[in-house]
Amino acid sequence: MEVDSERLVVALPPNDNDRASSHAEGVLGQATQTRFVLKETPSLADAISLLHDGHVDLLVASAFMWGEMEQNGLAVAACLQRREPTWVMVSDDKPEMLHHEAVVGCDHPLLHRQLTRLRPDLNLLDPRTMV
């Protein structure tokens, strides 16, 4: 097997509830500057063994996996931004079905930008100011 020193080999263990491997695969698959080889493994233990044996350069693990795994000789090298899992849009219908210029409570800049792109006619107000 020929070694390509220009590529990083990344072990992707099966997804846990955080879907860390799927998230990393999406991010690393879009990388244009650095090339990655993504290697799926049957288990976290197999991924750790491959890392310790030098067959992979990096291992993807969620924060939950990291807390539960044997960390002997391992260190966190990078972190992906976590998306807030509790953001929920509460509506009787889909955003597309809201009335023209509807008033929507929105207190996060990311959600504000996304809703503005989706529906520029909406009136987005911070619910903390709606007293």
C-alpha atoms as a PDB file:
ATOM      1  CA  MET A   1       0.000   0.000   0.000  1.00  0.00           C
ATOM      2  CA  GLU A   2       1.456   3.330  -1.074  1.00  0.00           C
ATOM      3  CA  VAL A   3       1.507   6.101   1.528  1.00  0.00           C
ATOM      4  CA  ASP A   4       0.316   9.548   0.452  1.00  0.00           C
ATOM      5  CA  SER A   5       1.942  12.063   2.788  1.00  0.00           C
ATOM      6  CA  GLU A   6      -0.304  14.814   1.424  1.00  0.00           C
ATOM      7  CA  ARG A   7      -3.453  13.219   2.830  1.00  0.00           C
ATOM      8  CA  LEU A   8      -4.805  12.784   6.343  1.00  0.00           C
ATOM      9  CA  VAL A   9      -6.554   9.495   7.048  1.00  0.00           C
ATOM     10  CA  VAL A  10      -9.530  10.002   9.364  1.00  0.00           C
ATOM     11  CA  ALA A  11     -11.238   7.131  11.217  1.00  0.00           C
ATOM     12  CA  LEU A  12     -15.023   7.403  11.354  1.00  0.00           C
ATOM     13  CA  PRO A  13     -16.519   5.099  14.008  1.00  0.00           C
ATOM     14  CA  PRO A  14     -20.257   4.342  13.886  1.00  0.00           C
ATOM     15  CA  ASN A  15     -22.461   7.320  14.734  1.00  0.00           C
ATOM     16  CA  ASP A  16     -23.677   7.833  18.266  1.00  0.00           C
ATOM     17  CA  ASN A  17     -26.697   9.987  19.120  1.00  0.00           C
ATOM     18  CA  ASP A  18     -24.734  13.133  18.191  1.00  0.00           C
ATOM     19  CA  ARG A  19     -24.015  11.819  14.660  1.00  0.00           C
ATOM     20  CA  ALA A  20     -20.412  12.985  15.025  1.00  0.00           C
ATOM     21  CA  SER A  21     -19.082  10.855  12.162  1.00  0.00           C
ATOM     22  CA  SER A  22     -21.790  12.025   9.744  1.00  0.00           C
ATOM     23  CA  HIS A  23     -21.184  15.654  10.698  1.00  0.00           C
ATOM     24  CA  ALA A  24     -17.404  15.294  10.314  1.00  0.00           C
ATOM     25  CA  GLU A  25     -17.842  13.465   7.012  1.00  0.00           C
ATOM     26  CA  GLY A  26     -19.915  16.357   5.689  1.00  0.00           C
ATOM     27  CA  VAL A  27     -17.390  18.968   6.811  1.00  0.00           C
ATOM     28  CA  LEU A  28     -14.282  17.062   5.706  1.00  0.00           C
ATOM     29  CA  GLY A  29     -15.883  16.052   2.427  1.00  0.00           C
ATOM     30  CA  GLN A  30     -16.268  19.751   1.543  1.00  0.00           C
ATOM     31  CA  ALA A  31     -12.644  20.642   2.344  1.00  0.00           C
ATOM     32  CA  THR A  32     -10.781  21.941  -0.700  1.00  0.00           C
ATOM     33  CA  GLN A  33      -7.392  22.942   0.730  1.00  0.00           C
ATOM     34  CA  THR A  34      -6.489  19.783   2.620  1.00  0.00           C
ATOM     35  CA  ARG A  35      -7.356  16.360   1.305  1.00  0.00           C
ATOM     36  CA  PHE A  36      -8.737  13.709   3.609  1.00  0.00           C
ATOM     37  CA  VAL A  37      -9.222   9.971   3.312  1.00  0.00           C
ATOM     38  CA  LEU A  38     -12.251   8.934   5.356  1.00  0.00           C
ATOM     39  CA  LYS A  39     -12.117   5.384   6.738  1.00  0.00           C
ATOM     40  CA  GLU A  40     -15.259   3.934   8.302  1.00  0.00           C
ATOM     41  CA  THR A  41     -14.629   1.549  11.182  1.00  0.00           C
ATOM     42  CA  PRO A  42     -16.946  -1.084  12.675  1.00  0.00           C
ATOM     43  CA  SER A  43     -16.536   0.251  16.219  1.00  0.00           C
ATOM     44  CA  LEU A  44     -14.949   2.969  18.315  1.00  0.00           C
ATOM     45  CA  ALA A  45     -12.495   0.402  19.716  1.00  0.00           C
ATOM     46  CA  ASP A  46     -11.375  -0.471  16.170  1.00  0.00           C
ATOM     47  CA  ALA A  47     -10.911   3.215  15.353  1.00  0.00           C
ATOM     48  CA  ILE A  48      -8.787   3.701  18.488  1.00  0.00           C
ATOM     49  CA  SER A  49      -6.658   0.659  17.595  1.00  0.00           C
ATOM     50  CA  LEU A  50      -6.089   2.000  14.071  1.00  0.00           C
ATOM     51  CA  LEU A  51      -5.029   5.343  15.545  1.00  0.00           C
ATOM     52  CA  HIS A  52      -2.645   3.780  18.076  1.00  0.00           C
ATOM     53  CA  ASP A  53      -1.173   1.502  15.373  1.00  0.00           C
ATOM     54  CA  GLY A  54      -0.553   4.448  13.038  1.00  0.00           C
ATOM     55  CA  HIS A  55      -2.994   3.373  10.307  1.00  0.00           C
ATOM     56  CA  VAL A  56      -5.044   6.572  10.655  1.00  0.00           C
ATOM     57  CA  ASP A  57      -4.033  10.123  11.542  1.00  0.00           C
ATOM     58  CA  LEU A  58      -7.207  11.351  13.243  1.00  0.00           C
ATOM     59  CA  LEU A  59     -10.227   9.863  14.985  1.00  0.00           C
ATOM     60  CA  VAL A  60     -13.689  11.424  15.004  1.00  0.00           C
ATOM     61  CA  ALA A  61     -15.505  11.244  18.337  1.00  0.00           C
ATOM     62  CA  SER A  62     -18.357  13.209  19.853  1.00  0.00           C
ATOM     63  CA  ALA A  63     -17.892  14.835  23.245  1.00  0.00           C
ATOM     64  CA  PHE A  64     -19.985  12.033  24.741  1.00  0.00           C
ATOM     65  CA  MET A  65     -17.790   9.361  23.108  1.00  0.00           C
ATOM     66  CA  TRP A  66     -14.647  11.177  24.274  1.00  0.00           C
ATOM     67  CA  GLY A  67     -15.863  11.153  27.869  1.00  0.00           C
ATOM     68  CA  GLU A  68     -16.637   7.432  27.741  1.00  0.00           C
ATOM     69  CA  MET A  69     -13.544   6.176  25.872  1.00  0.00           C
ATOM     70  CA  GLU A  70     -10.070   5.205  27.067  1.00  0.00           C
ATOM     71  CA  GLN A  71      -8.031   8.355  26.358  1.00  0.00           C
ATOM     72  CA  ASN A  72      -4.592   6.894  27.050  1.00  0.00           C
ATOM     73  CA  GLY A  73      -2.168   8.706  24.744  1.00  0.00           C
ATOM     74  CA  LEU A  74      -4.921  10.616  22.915  1.00  0.00           C
ATOM     75  CA  ALA A  75      -5.590  14.349  22.820  1.00  0.00           C
ATOM     76  CA  VAL A  76      -8.240  16.583  21.262  1.00  0.00           C
ATOM     77  CA  ALA A  77      -6.768  18.053  18.070  1.00  0.00           C
ATOM     78  CA  ALA A  78      -9.800  19.897  16.670  1.00  0.00           C
ATOM     79  CA  CYS A  79     -13.446  20.578  17.446  1.00  0.00           C
ATOM     80  CA  LEU A  80     -16.361  21.163  15.122  1.00  0.00           C
ATOM     81  CA  GLN A  81     -18.898  23.760  16.150  1.00  0.00           C
ATOM     82  CA  ARG A  82     -21.894  22.125  17.750  1.00  0.00           C
ATOM     83  CA  ARG A  83     -25.312  23.092  16.527  1.00  0.00           C
ATOM     84  CA  GLU A  84     -27.775  23.884  19.283  1.00  0.00           C
ATOM     85  CA  PRO A  85     -30.168  20.897  19.341  1.00  0.00           C
ATOM     86  CA  THR A  86     -32.938  22.703  21.213  1.00  0.00           C
ATOM     87  CA  TRP A  87     -33.830  25.293  18.573  1.00  0.00           C
ATOM     88  CA  VAL A  88     -37.394  24.669  17.529  1.00  0.00           C
ATOM     89  CA  MET A  89     -39.736  26.747  15.442  1.00  0.00           C
ATOM     90  CA  VAL A  90     -43.216  26.482  16.899  1.00  0.00           C
ATOM     91  CA  SER A  91     -45.953  27.155  14.387  1.00  0.00           C
ATOM     92  CA  ASP A  92     -49.327  25.815  13.349  1.00  0.00           C
ATOM     93  CA  ASP A  93     -47.853  25.321   9.891  1.00  0.00           C
ATOM     94  CA  LYS A  94     -44.604  25.478   7.921  1.00  0.00           C
ATOM     95  CA  PRO A  95     -42.747  28.826   7.642  1.00  0.00           C
ATOM     96  CA  GLU A  96     -43.792  29.010   3.998  1.00  0.00           C
ATOM     97  CA  MET A  97     -47.441  29.032   5.105  1.00  0.00           C
ATOM     98  CA  LEU A  98     -47.174  31.978   7.530  1.00  0.00           C
ATOM     99  CA  HIS A  99     -49.155  35.047   6.535  1.00  0.00           C
ATOM    100  CA  HIS A 100     -47.357  37.761   4.588  1.00  0.00           C
ATOM    101  CA  GLU A 101     -45.430  40.016   7.018  1.00  0.00           C
ATOM    102  CA  ALA A 102     -46.256  37.729   9.961  1.00  0.00           C
ATOM    103  CA  VAL A 103     -44.648  38.573  13.310  1.00  0.00           C
ATOM    104  CA  VAL A 104     -42.264  35.859  14.523  1.00  0.00           C
ATOM    105  CA  GLY A 105     -40.328  35.789  17.804  1.00  0.00           C
ATOM    106  CA  CYS A 106     -36.672  34.992  17.125  1.00  0.00           C
ATOM    107  CA  ASP A 107     -33.834  35.553  19.616  1.00  0.00           C
ATOM    108  CA  HIS A 108     -30.819  34.018  17.857  1.00  0.00           C
ATOM    109  CA  PRO A 109     -28.783  35.682  15.059  1.00  0.00           C
ATOM    110  CA  LEU A 110     -28.299  32.432  13.099  1.00  0.00           C
ATOM    111  CA  LEU A 111     -32.008  31.642  13.091  1.00  0.00           C
ATOM    112  CA  HIS A 112     -32.762  35.273  12.282  1.00  0.00           C
ATOM    113  CA  ARG A 113     -30.536  35.102   9.176  1.00  0.00           C
ATOM    114  CA  GLN A 114     -32.021  31.774   8.076  1.00  0.00           C
ATOM    115  CA  LEU A 115     -35.611  32.966   8.455  1.00  0.00           C
ATOM    116  CA  THR A 116     -34.792  36.237   6.679  1.00  0.00           C
ATOM    117  CA  ARG A 117     -33.346  34.301   3.736  1.00  0.00           C
ATOM    118  CA  LEU A 118     -36.373  32.013   3.653  1.00  0.00           C
ATOM    119  CA  ARG A 119     -39.003  34.717   4.153  1.00  0.00           C
ATOM    120  CA  PRO A 120     -37.717  38.302   3.796  1.00  0.00           C
ATOM    121  CA  ASP A 121     -41.250  39.625   4.408  1.00  0.00           C
ATOM    122  CA  LEU A 122     -41.440  38.333   8.000  1.00  0.00           C
ATOM    123  CA  ASN A 123     -41.226  40.737  10.944  1.00  0.00           C
ATOM    124  CA  LEU A 124     -38.699  39.078  13.252  1.00  0.00           C
ATOM    125  CA  LEU A 125     -38.754  40.365  16.811  1.00  0.00           C
ATOM    126  CA  ASP A 126     -36.677  39.406  19.806  1.00  0.00           C
ATOM    127  CA  PRO A 127     -39.174  37.893  22.294  1.00  0.00           C
ATOM    128  CA  ARG A 128     -37.125  39.293  25.190  1.00  0.00           C
ATOM    129  CA  THR A 129     -38.144  42.799  24.075  1.00  0.00           C
ATOM    130  CA  MET A 130     -41.827  41.909  23.689  1.00  0.00           C
ATOM    131  CA  VAL A 131     -43.019  42.913  27.148  1.00  0.00           C
END
